[in-house]
């Protein structure tokens, strides 16, 4: 009998949701994995790119009218909705308050920890092109803007998680 041993220790997380709770989960897994000496890569695509924008609030960035509208509607990191029970945007603020009350790290704190732990941040080239976003629009922690083939090559020895 031929058995293959799964020795993958690295983690690659595809962040394609721009929802507050899903980004919290992605960063919690990423920082936990990095803290246990795993190599971690986070690949942000489509709505997930919202978490990487320098502008925290609504800003009409982009190369043409539609991309400016989409980027304004996405709203930046200060306007991330909950995936359920969003209540017109009030729930992320309520959730943040509950997290503070229970001494749970906030999204910004998890992002800072991810950077300090050496987690690699990649932004999806195709999504950025579609949304009219440039690397200058993203936080400085983004190492590279890459296509899916590069991401997959970089993640060859990793478990890939989609959030």
Protein backbone atom coordinates (compact mmCIF):
# COMPACT_ATOMS: atom_id res chain seq x y z
CA UNK A 1 0.00 0.00 0.00
CA UNK A 2 1.38 3.38 -1.02
CA UNK A 3 0.72 6.05 1.59
CA UNK A 4 1.67 9.66 1.19
CA UNK A 5 2.53 11.60 4.29
CA UNK A 6 1.03 15.06 4.40
CA UNK A 7 3.85 17.18 5.79
CA UNK A 8 2.46 20.57 4.86
CA UNK A 9 3.01 23.04 7.66
CA UNK A 10 2.73 26.33 5.80
CA UNK A 11 -0.58 28.15 5.53
CA UNK A 12 -1.87 30.26 2.66
CA UNK A 13 -5.12 32.13 3.18
CA UNK A 14 -7.18 33.48 0.31
CA UNK A 15 -9.14 36.49 1.56
CA UNK A 16 -11.89 37.08 -0.97
CA UNK A 17 -14.52 38.42 1.42
CA UNK A 18 -14.56 41.99 2.62
CA UNK A 19 -16.68 41.15 5.63
CA UNK A 20 -15.53 42.12 9.11
CA UNK A 21 -15.99 38.74 10.81
CA UNK A 22 -14.36 36.80 7.98
CA UNK A 23 -11.33 39.09 7.94
CA UNK A 24 -11.07 38.70 11.73
CA UNK A 25 -11.07 34.92 11.25
CA UNK A 26 -8.45 35.12 8.50
CA UNK A 27 -6.11 37.28 10.59
CA UNK A 28 -6.68 35.19 13.72
CA UNK A 29 -5.71 32.00 11.87
CA UNK A 30 -2.79 33.74 10.16
CA UNK A 31 -1.30 35.19 13.33
CA UNK A 32 -1.86 31.95 15.25
CA UNK A 33 -0.10 29.97 12.54
CA UNK A 34 2.78 32.46 12.33
CA UNK A 35 3.14 32.40 16.12
CA UNK A 36 3.67 28.63 15.88
CA UNK A 37 6.52 29.14 13.39
CA UNK A 38 4.59 28.42 10.22
CA UNK A 39 5.20 30.34 7.02
CA UNK A 40 2.00 32.27 6.30
CA UNK A 41 0.88 33.99 3.12
CA UNK A 42 -2.31 35.99 2.77
CA UNK A 43 -3.66 36.57 -0.75
CA UNK A 44 -6.30 39.31 -1.00
CA UNK A 45 -8.64 39.29 -3.97
CA UNK A 46 -11.84 41.14 -4.94
CA UNK A 47 -13.68 42.39 -1.82
CA UNK A 48 -10.85 41.22 0.43
CA UNK A 49 -8.70 43.99 -1.04
CA UNK A 50 -10.83 46.43 0.95
CA UNK A 51 -8.92 45.43 4.10
CA UNK A 52 -5.62 46.48 2.50
CA UNK A 53 -6.60 49.97 1.39
CA UNK A 54 -4.67 52.84 2.96
CA UNK A 55 -7.85 54.89 3.08
CA UNK A 56 -9.93 53.53 5.94
CA UNK A 57 -13.14 55.25 4.87
CA UNK A 58 -15.06 55.75 1.65
CA UNK A 59 -12.95 57.07 -1.18
CA UNK A 60 -13.67 57.06 -4.89
CA UNK A 61 -10.34 55.68 -6.10
CA UNK A 62 -9.90 54.07 -9.47
CA UNK A 63 -9.13 54.75 -13.10
CA UNK A 64 -12.66 55.15 -14.45
CA UNK A 65 -16.17 56.01 -13.30
CA UNK A 66 -17.29 52.43 -12.47
CA UNK A 67 -14.16 51.54 -10.51
CA UNK A 68 -14.48 54.79 -8.51
CA UNK A 69 -18.12 53.93 -7.73
CA UNK A 70 -17.27 50.35 -6.67
CA UNK A 71 -14.39 51.50 -4.46
CA UNK A 72 -16.57 54.15 -2.84
CA UNK A 73 -19.32 51.57 -2.20
CA UNK A 74 -16.80 49.10 -0.73
CA UNK A 75 -16.06 51.75 1.87
CA UNK A 76 -12.61 50.86 3.21
CA UNK A 77 -11.66 49.11 6.43
CA UNK A 78 -13.82 51.42 8.57
CA UNK A 79 -16.97 50.25 6.78
CA UNK A 80 -16.61 46.47 6.70
CA UNK A 81 -20.02 44.78 7.17
CA UNK A 82 -20.72 41.66 9.19
CA UNK A 83 -21.58 38.64 7.07
CA UNK A 84 -24.84 38.21 9.00
CA UNK A 85 -26.96 40.52 11.14
CA UNK A 86 -25.21 43.66 9.88
CA UNK A 87 -28.07 46.00 10.96
CA UNK A 88 -27.21 48.80 8.51
CA UNK A 89 -23.56 48.81 9.55
CA UNK A 90 -24.08 49.01 13.32
CA UNK A 91 -23.08 45.41 14.08
CA UNK A 92 -19.33 45.69 13.38
CA UNK A 93 -19.15 48.56 15.89
CA UNK A 94 -21.13 46.54 18.44
CA UNK A 95 -18.91 43.50 17.79
CA UNK A 96 -15.77 45.62 18.25
CA UNK A 97 -17.13 46.88 21.56
CA UNK A 98 -17.82 43.33 22.72
CA UNK A 99 -14.31 42.31 21.65
CA UNK A 100 -12.73 45.20 23.59
CA UNK A 101 -14.82 44.36 26.66
CA UNK A 102 -13.51 40.77 26.52
CA UNK A 103 -9.88 41.76 25.78
CA UNK A 104 -9.94 40.25 22.28
CA UNK A 105 -7.61 41.73 19.68
CA UNK A 106 -9.23 44.14 17.22
CA UNK A 107 -8.75 43.86 13.45
CA UNK A 108 -6.16 46.65 13.38
CA UNK A 109 -4.22 44.96 16.20
CA UNK A 110 -4.30 41.63 14.36
CA UNK A 111 -3.07 43.35 11.21
CA UNK A 112 -0.17 44.91 13.14
CA UNK A 113 0.65 41.52 14.69
CA UNK A 114 0.57 39.86 11.26
CA UNK A 115 3.08 42.38 9.98
CA UNK A 116 5.32 41.94 13.03
CA UNK A 117 5.17 38.15 12.65
CA UNK A 118 6.41 38.36 9.05
CA UNK A 119 3.23 37.25 7.33
CA UNK A 120 3.43 37.84 3.59
CA UNK A 121 0.66 39.94 2.03
CA UNK A 122 -0.07 39.52 -1.67
CA UNK A 123 -2.69 41.48 -3.59
CA UNK A 124 -4.43 39.94 -6.61
CA UNK A 125 -3.29 41.59 -9.82
CA UNK A 126 -6.46 40.74 -11.76
CA UNK A 127 -8.82 42.06 -9.06
CA UNK A 128 -6.80 45.24 -8.73
CA UNK A 129 -6.96 45.74 -12.48
CA UNK A 130 -10.74 45.23 -12.54
CA UNK A 131 -11.31 47.55 -9.57
CA UNK A 132 -8.82 50.16 -10.81
CA UNK A 133 -6.71 49.94 -7.65
CA UNK A 134 -2.95 50.56 -7.73
CA UNK A 135 -0.31 49.35 -5.27
CA UNK A 136 -0.06 52.96 -4.05
CA UNK A 137 -3.67 52.63 -2.81
CA UNK A 138 -2.69 49.75 -0.51
CA UNK A 139 -0.98 49.63 2.88
CA UNK A 140 2.80 49.35 2.89
CA UNK A 141 2.72 45.77 4.23
CA UNK A 142 1.68 44.45 0.80
CA UNK A 143 4.87 42.81 -0.53
CA UNK A 144 3.68 42.12 -4.04
CA UNK A 145 0.87 42.38 -6.51
CA UNK A 146 0.72 38.91 -8.06
CA UNK A 147 -1.37 36.76 -10.33
CA UNK A 148 -2.94 33.51 -9.25
CA UNK A 149 -0.16 31.41 -10.83
CA UNK A 150 2.48 33.16 -8.71
CA UNK A 151 0.35 32.78 -5.59
CA UNK A 152 -0.09 29.05 -6.26
CA UNK A 153 3.63 28.60 -6.88
CA UNK A 154 4.39 30.41 -3.61
CA UNK A 155 1.81 28.20 -1.84
CA UNK A 156 2.95 24.89 -3.31
CA UNK A 157 3.90 23.47 0.09
CA UNK A 158 1.04 25.05 2.01
CA UNK A 159 -2.48 24.30 3.09
CA UNK A 160 -4.71 26.75 1.23
CA UNK A 161 -7.67 28.14 3.14
CA UNK A 162 -10.42 30.26 1.57
CA UNK A 163 -12.11 32.87 3.77
